[in-house]
N, C-alpha and C. Protein backbone atom coordinates (compact mmCIF):
# COMPACT_ATOMS: atom_id res chain seq x y z
N UNK A 1 45.93 48.28 -53.31
CA UNK A 1 46.07 46.87 -53.42
C UNK A 1 44.96 46.34 -54.31
N UNK A 2 45.31 45.48 -55.22
CA UNK A 2 44.34 44.91 -56.15
C UNK A 2 43.41 43.94 -55.43
N UNK A 3 42.12 44.03 -55.76
CA UNK A 3 41.14 43.10 -55.19
C UNK A 3 41.07 41.90 -56.12
N UNK A 4 41.73 40.84 -55.74
CA UNK A 4 41.74 39.62 -56.53
C UNK A 4 40.43 38.85 -56.32
N UNK A 5 40.12 37.89 -57.17
CA UNK A 5 38.92 37.07 -56.94
C UNK A 5 38.94 36.39 -55.56
N UNK A 6 40.12 35.98 -55.11
CA UNK A 6 40.23 35.34 -53.79
C UNK A 6 39.86 36.32 -52.68
N UNK A 7 40.41 37.57 -52.76
CA UNK A 7 40.10 38.59 -51.75
C UNK A 7 38.62 38.93 -51.78
N UNK A 8 38.05 39.01 -52.98
CA UNK A 8 36.63 39.33 -53.12
C UNK A 8 35.78 38.23 -52.45
N UNK A 9 36.15 36.99 -52.67
CA UNK A 9 35.44 35.87 -52.03
C UNK A 9 35.53 35.98 -50.51
N UNK A 10 36.72 36.26 -50.01
CA UNK A 10 36.92 36.36 -48.56
C UNK A 10 36.05 37.46 -47.97
N UNK A 11 36.07 38.65 -48.58
CA UNK A 11 35.30 39.77 -48.00
C UNK A 11 33.81 39.50 -48.13
N UNK A 12 33.38 38.89 -49.23
CA UNK A 12 31.96 38.55 -49.37
C UNK A 12 31.51 37.57 -48.30
N UNK A 13 32.33 36.57 -48.05
CA UNK A 13 32.00 35.58 -47.02
C UNK A 13 32.01 36.20 -45.62
N UNK A 14 33.05 36.98 -45.34
CA UNK A 14 33.15 37.60 -44.01
C UNK A 14 32.03 38.61 -43.76
N UNK A 15 31.59 39.29 -44.83
CA UNK A 15 30.55 40.31 -44.66
C UNK A 15 29.21 39.68 -44.26
N UNK A 16 29.07 38.38 -44.40
CA UNK A 16 27.83 37.69 -44.02
C UNK A 16 27.77 37.39 -42.52
N UNK A 17 28.90 37.58 -41.82
CA UNK A 17 28.92 37.34 -40.38
C UNK A 17 28.03 38.33 -39.65
N UNK A 18 27.61 37.98 -38.47
CA UNK A 18 26.83 38.84 -37.58
C UNK A 18 25.56 39.36 -38.23
N UNK A 19 24.96 38.57 -39.11
CA UNK A 19 23.72 38.99 -39.74
C UNK A 19 23.94 39.85 -40.97
N UNK A 20 25.18 40.06 -41.37
CA UNK A 20 25.51 40.84 -42.56
C UNK A 20 26.12 42.18 -42.21
N UNK A 21 27.24 42.47 -42.81
CA UNK A 21 27.93 43.75 -42.62
C UNK A 21 27.93 44.50 -43.95
N UNK A 22 27.35 45.67 -43.97
CA UNK A 22 27.36 46.49 -45.19
C UNK A 22 28.71 47.18 -45.38
N UNK A 23 29.36 47.48 -44.26
CA UNK A 23 30.64 48.18 -44.29
C UNK A 23 31.64 47.33 -43.52
N UNK A 24 32.68 46.88 -44.22
CA UNK A 24 33.69 46.08 -43.54
C UNK A 24 34.97 46.07 -44.37
N UNK A 25 36.05 45.65 -43.73
CA UNK A 25 37.35 45.52 -44.40
C UNK A 25 38.13 44.42 -43.72
N UNK A 26 39.01 43.80 -44.48
CA UNK A 26 39.87 42.75 -43.94
C UNK A 26 41.30 43.27 -43.87
N UNK A 27 41.97 42.98 -42.77
CA UNK A 27 43.41 43.22 -42.68
C UNK A 27 44.09 41.89 -42.98
N UNK A 28 44.99 41.92 -43.95
CA UNK A 28 45.67 40.71 -44.39
C UNK A 28 47.16 40.81 -44.13
N UNK A 29 47.79 39.65 -44.04
CA UNK A 29 49.24 39.55 -43.93
C UNK A 29 49.69 38.58 -45.02
N UNK A 30 50.69 39.01 -45.80
CA UNK A 30 51.20 38.15 -46.86
C UNK A 30 52.57 37.63 -46.46
N UNK A 31 52.73 36.33 -46.46
CA UNK A 31 54.01 35.68 -46.17
C UNK A 31 54.73 35.46 -47.50
N UNK A 32 55.85 36.17 -47.68
CA UNK A 32 56.61 35.98 -48.91
C UNK A 32 57.31 34.63 -48.92
N UNK A 33 57.65 34.13 -47.74
CA UNK A 33 58.31 32.82 -47.66
C UNK A 33 57.37 31.70 -48.13
N UNK A 34 56.13 31.75 -47.69
CA UNK A 34 55.15 30.71 -48.04
C UNK A 34 54.29 31.10 -49.25
N UNK A 35 54.38 32.40 -49.63
CA UNK A 35 53.53 32.96 -50.69
C UNK A 35 52.05 32.70 -50.39
N UNK A 36 51.68 32.98 -49.12
CA UNK A 36 50.30 32.79 -48.67
C UNK A 36 49.82 34.06 -47.99
N UNK A 37 48.51 34.26 -48.04
CA UNK A 37 47.88 35.38 -47.35
C UNK A 37 47.14 34.84 -46.13
N UNK A 38 47.17 35.64 -45.08
CA UNK A 38 46.48 35.29 -43.84
C UNK A 38 45.59 36.46 -43.44
N UNK A 39 44.35 36.14 -43.04
CA UNK A 39 43.45 37.17 -42.53
C UNK A 39 43.83 37.44 -41.08
N UNK A 40 44.15 38.71 -40.79
CA UNK A 40 44.48 39.09 -39.41
C UNK A 40 43.23 39.47 -38.64
N UNK A 41 42.37 40.28 -39.27
CA UNK A 41 41.16 40.69 -38.57
C UNK A 41 40.13 41.21 -39.56
N UNK A 42 38.90 41.19 -39.12
CA UNK A 42 37.78 41.76 -39.85
C UNK A 42 37.37 43.03 -39.12
N UNK A 43 37.32 44.14 -39.86
CA UNK A 43 36.92 45.43 -39.27
C UNK A 43 35.54 45.81 -39.79
N UNK A 44 34.76 46.39 -38.88
CA UNK A 44 33.46 46.91 -39.33
C UNK A 44 33.71 48.35 -39.80
N UNK A 45 33.10 49.33 -39.20
CA UNK A 45 33.30 50.71 -39.66
C UNK A 45 34.64 51.29 -39.21
N UNK A 46 35.39 50.55 -38.42
CA UNK A 46 36.70 51.03 -37.98
C UNK A 46 37.75 50.72 -39.04
N UNK A 47 37.48 51.21 -40.26
CA UNK A 47 38.41 50.98 -41.36
C UNK A 47 39.13 52.28 -41.66
N UNK A 48 40.32 52.18 -42.17
CA UNK A 48 41.07 53.37 -42.56
C UNK A 48 40.64 53.84 -43.94
N UNK A 49 40.39 55.12 -44.08
CA UNK A 49 39.99 55.67 -45.37
C UNK A 49 41.19 56.37 -46.00
N UNK A 50 41.37 56.17 -47.29
CA UNK A 50 42.43 56.85 -48.02
C UNK A 50 42.00 58.30 -48.17
N UNK A 51 42.87 59.23 -47.73
CA UNK A 51 42.50 60.65 -47.70
C UNK A 51 41.97 61.14 -49.04
N UNK A 52 42.59 60.69 -50.12
CA UNK A 52 42.19 61.14 -51.46
C UNK A 52 40.72 60.84 -51.74
N UNK A 53 40.20 59.73 -51.20
CA UNK A 53 38.82 59.31 -51.46
C UNK A 53 37.96 59.36 -50.20
N UNK A 54 38.46 59.98 -49.15
CA UNK A 54 37.78 59.95 -47.86
C UNK A 54 36.37 60.53 -47.94
N UNK A 55 36.23 61.70 -48.55
CA UNK A 55 34.90 62.34 -48.62
C UNK A 55 33.92 61.45 -49.40
N UNK A 56 34.36 60.94 -50.54
CA UNK A 56 33.50 60.08 -51.35
C UNK A 56 33.11 58.82 -50.57
N UNK A 57 34.08 58.22 -49.88
CA UNK A 57 33.79 57.02 -49.09
C UNK A 57 32.80 57.33 -47.97
N UNK A 58 32.98 58.48 -47.32
CA UNK A 58 32.05 58.85 -46.24
C UNK A 58 30.64 59.07 -46.79
N UNK A 59 30.53 59.61 -48.01
CA UNK A 59 29.21 59.79 -48.61
C UNK A 59 28.56 58.44 -48.90
N UNK A 60 29.35 57.47 -49.39
CA UNK A 60 28.81 56.13 -49.63
C UNK A 60 28.34 55.51 -48.32
N UNK A 61 29.15 55.64 -47.27
CA UNK A 61 28.76 55.07 -45.98
C UNK A 61 27.50 55.74 -45.44
N UNK A 62 27.42 57.06 -45.60
CA UNK A 62 26.23 57.76 -45.16
C UNK A 62 25.00 57.26 -45.90
N UNK A 63 25.14 57.04 -47.22
CA UNK A 63 24.02 56.55 -48.02
C UNK A 63 23.56 55.17 -47.54
N UNK A 64 24.52 54.31 -47.21
CA UNK A 64 24.17 52.98 -46.71
C UNK A 64 23.41 53.09 -45.39
N UNK A 65 23.93 53.91 -44.50
CA UNK A 65 23.27 54.08 -43.20
C UNK A 65 21.87 54.65 -43.38
N UNK A 66 21.74 55.68 -44.23
CA UNK A 66 20.42 56.28 -44.45
C UNK A 66 19.46 55.27 -45.08
N UNK A 67 19.96 54.45 -46.01
CA UNK A 67 19.12 53.43 -46.64
C UNK A 67 18.62 52.45 -45.58
N UNK A 68 19.51 52.02 -44.69
CA UNK A 68 19.10 51.08 -43.63
C UNK A 68 18.14 51.73 -42.65
N UNK A 69 18.36 53.00 -42.33
CA UNK A 69 17.44 53.71 -41.43
C UNK A 69 16.05 53.81 -42.07
N UNK A 70 16.02 54.11 -43.35
CA UNK A 70 14.73 54.22 -44.02
C UNK A 70 14.02 52.87 -44.06
N UNK A 71 14.81 51.80 -44.33
CA UNK A 71 14.21 50.47 -44.33
C UNK A 71 13.61 50.15 -42.97
N UNK A 72 14.28 50.56 -41.94
CA UNK A 72 13.85 50.21 -40.58
C UNK A 72 12.81 51.18 -40.03
N UNK A 73 13.04 52.48 -40.22
CA UNK A 73 12.19 53.49 -39.60
C UNK A 73 11.34 54.29 -40.59
N UNK A 74 11.60 54.16 -41.89
CA UNK A 74 10.85 54.94 -42.87
C UNK A 74 11.23 56.41 -42.85
N UNK A 75 12.50 56.70 -42.67
CA UNK A 75 12.99 58.08 -42.59
C UNK A 75 13.12 58.70 -43.98
N UNK A 76 13.73 59.91 -44.03
CA UNK A 76 13.91 60.66 -45.27
C UNK A 76 14.68 59.86 -46.32
N UNK A 77 14.47 60.21 -47.54
CA UNK A 77 15.18 59.59 -48.65
C UNK A 77 16.63 60.05 -48.66
N UNK A 78 17.51 59.18 -49.15
CA UNK A 78 18.94 59.47 -49.22
C UNK A 78 19.21 60.71 -50.06
N UNK A 79 18.47 60.84 -51.19
CA UNK A 79 18.71 61.98 -52.08
C UNK A 79 18.43 63.31 -51.37
N UNK A 80 17.36 63.36 -50.59
CA UNK A 80 17.03 64.57 -49.86
C UNK A 80 18.11 64.90 -48.85
N UNK A 81 18.59 63.88 -48.18
CA UNK A 81 19.64 64.08 -47.18
C UNK A 81 20.92 64.55 -47.86
N UNK A 82 21.24 63.96 -49.02
CA UNK A 82 22.44 64.38 -49.74
C UNK A 82 22.36 65.86 -50.08
N UNK A 83 21.17 66.33 -50.57
CA UNK A 83 21.01 67.74 -50.91
C UNK A 83 21.26 68.62 -49.69
N UNK A 84 20.70 68.24 -48.56
CA UNK A 84 20.88 69.02 -47.33
C UNK A 84 22.34 69.01 -46.91
N UNK A 85 22.98 67.84 -46.97
CA UNK A 85 24.39 67.74 -46.60
C UNK A 85 25.27 68.57 -47.52
N UNK A 86 24.97 68.55 -48.81
CA UNK A 86 25.75 69.35 -49.76
C UNK A 86 25.57 70.83 -49.48
N UNK A 87 24.35 71.25 -49.15
CA UNK A 87 24.11 72.65 -48.81
C UNK A 87 24.85 73.04 -47.53
N UNK A 88 24.82 72.15 -46.53
CA UNK A 88 25.54 72.43 -45.29
C UNK A 88 27.04 72.56 -45.55
N UNK A 89 27.56 71.68 -46.40
CA UNK A 89 28.97 71.74 -46.73
C UNK A 89 29.29 73.04 -47.46
N UNK A 90 28.43 73.45 -48.38
CA UNK A 90 28.64 74.71 -49.11
C UNK A 90 28.63 75.89 -48.15
N UNK A 91 27.70 75.88 -47.21
CA UNK A 91 27.63 76.96 -46.22
C UNK A 91 28.91 76.99 -45.39
N UNK A 92 29.39 75.83 -44.98
CA UNK A 92 30.63 75.77 -44.19
C UNK A 92 31.80 76.32 -44.98
N UNK A 93 31.89 75.96 -46.25
CA UNK A 93 32.98 76.46 -47.09
C UNK A 93 32.87 77.97 -47.28
N UNK A 94 31.65 78.45 -47.46
CA UNK A 94 31.45 79.89 -47.61
C UNK A 94 31.82 80.64 -46.33
N UNK A 95 31.53 80.06 -45.16
CA UNK A 95 31.90 80.69 -43.90
C UNK A 95 33.41 80.78 -43.77
N UNK A 96 34.10 79.73 -44.17
CA UNK A 96 35.57 79.73 -44.13
C UNK A 96 36.11 80.79 -45.06
N UNK A 97 35.57 80.86 -46.27
CA UNK A 97 36.02 81.87 -47.24
C UNK A 97 35.73 83.28 -46.75
N UNK A 98 34.58 83.48 -46.14
CA UNK A 98 34.23 84.78 -45.58
C UNK A 98 35.22 85.20 -44.50
N UNK A 99 35.57 84.27 -43.63
CA UNK A 99 36.54 84.55 -42.57
C UNK A 99 37.90 84.91 -43.16
N UNK A 100 38.29 84.21 -44.20
CA UNK A 100 39.56 84.54 -44.88
C UNK A 100 39.52 85.95 -45.45
N UNK A 101 38.40 86.28 -46.09
CA UNK A 101 38.24 87.61 -46.68
C UNK A 101 38.28 88.69 -45.59
N UNK A 102 37.63 88.42 -44.47
CA UNK A 102 37.65 89.38 -43.36
C UNK A 102 39.07 89.58 -42.84
N UNK A 103 39.79 88.48 -42.69
CA UNK A 103 41.18 88.57 -42.23
C UNK A 103 42.04 89.35 -43.22
N UNK A 104 41.84 89.09 -44.49
CA UNK A 104 42.60 89.81 -45.53
C UNK A 104 42.25 91.30 -45.50
N UNK A 105 40.98 91.62 -45.32
CA UNK A 105 40.55 93.01 -45.25
C UNK A 105 41.20 93.71 -44.06
N UNK A 106 41.24 93.01 -42.92
CA UNK A 106 41.87 93.58 -41.72
C UNK A 106 43.35 93.83 -41.94
N UNK A 107 44.04 92.89 -42.59
CA UNK A 107 45.46 93.06 -42.89
C UNK A 107 45.68 94.27 -43.79
N UNK A 108 44.82 94.40 -44.80
CA UNK A 108 44.95 95.55 -45.71
C UNK A 108 44.70 96.87 -44.99
N UNK A 109 43.73 96.90 -44.09
CA UNK A 109 43.48 98.11 -43.30
C UNK A 109 44.71 98.48 -42.47
N UNK A 110 45.34 97.46 -41.88
CA UNK A 110 46.55 97.70 -41.09
C UNK A 110 47.69 98.20 -41.95
N UNK A 111 47.83 97.64 -43.15
CA UNK A 111 48.88 98.10 -44.06
C UNK A 111 48.65 99.55 -44.47
N UNK A 112 47.40 99.88 -44.75
CA UNK A 112 47.06 101.26 -45.14
C UNK A 112 47.37 102.21 -43.99
N UNK A 113 46.99 101.81 -42.77
CA UNK A 113 47.27 102.66 -41.60
C UNK A 113 48.76 102.84 -41.43
N UNK A 114 49.53 101.78 -41.61
CA UNK A 114 50.99 101.86 -41.48
C UNK A 114 51.58 102.77 -42.54
N UNK A 115 51.11 102.65 -43.78
CA UNK A 115 51.60 103.49 -44.87
C UNK A 115 51.25 104.95 -44.63
N UNK A 116 50.05 105.21 -44.13
CA UNK A 116 49.66 106.59 -43.82
C UNK A 116 50.57 107.18 -42.75
N UNK A 117 50.85 106.37 -41.73
CA UNK A 117 51.71 106.83 -40.64
C UNK A 117 53.12 107.10 -41.16
N UNK A 118 53.64 106.23 -42.00
CA UNK A 118 54.97 106.44 -42.58
C UNK A 118 54.98 107.70 -43.45
N UNK A 119 53.88 107.93 -44.19
CA UNK A 119 53.77 109.12 -45.03
C UNK A 119 53.79 110.39 -44.19
N UNK A 120 53.10 110.37 -43.04
CA UNK A 120 53.09 111.53 -42.14
C UNK A 120 54.49 111.80 -41.61
N UNK A 121 55.21 110.74 -41.23
CA UNK A 121 56.57 110.90 -40.71
C UNK A 121 57.50 111.47 -41.77
N UNK A 122 57.39 110.98 -43.02
CA UNK A 122 58.22 111.47 -44.11
C UNK A 122 57.91 112.93 -44.42
N UNK A 123 56.63 113.28 -44.32
CA UNK A 123 56.22 114.67 -44.60
C UNK A 123 56.81 115.59 -43.55
N UNK A 124 56.82 115.18 -42.28
CA UNK A 124 57.40 115.97 -41.20
C UNK A 124 58.90 116.16 -41.42
N UNK A 125 59.55 115.11 -41.90
CA UNK A 125 61.00 115.20 -42.12
C UNK A 125 61.34 115.87 -43.45
N UNK A 126 60.35 116.17 -44.24
CA UNK A 126 60.57 116.83 -45.50
C UNK A 126 61.04 115.89 -46.59
N UNK A 127 60.91 114.63 -46.40
CA UNK A 127 61.32 113.64 -47.39
C UNK A 127 60.27 113.52 -48.48
N UNK A 128 59.11 113.82 -48.17
CA UNK A 128 57.99 113.64 -49.09
C UNK A 128 57.84 114.75 -50.03
């Protein structure tokens, strides 16, 4: 959905509620009969993420949270956290790939054992 100047104004104004919301979304309803938009609700972090951009959106949200934590508590820098998170993600992906490789290796071992057994049977029957 296109963010029109009107929608941008609405979200900017609504984000100022409750002392300011860094992460928020508006649910709107459009009346085709009246050609008007109505705000149904304001959501904080309970917003739906589009799967295609979900990881990127989660990284932006994490950066905002880390920035606010640092402002408040003086915690680690966002860049350092991003590096650690990227390494953790890489490790997780490597673990998944390793498990796949192990499963594939086990399947191949079973196929080899089956072929050896079939070869023994054929040799006994003189087919080989």
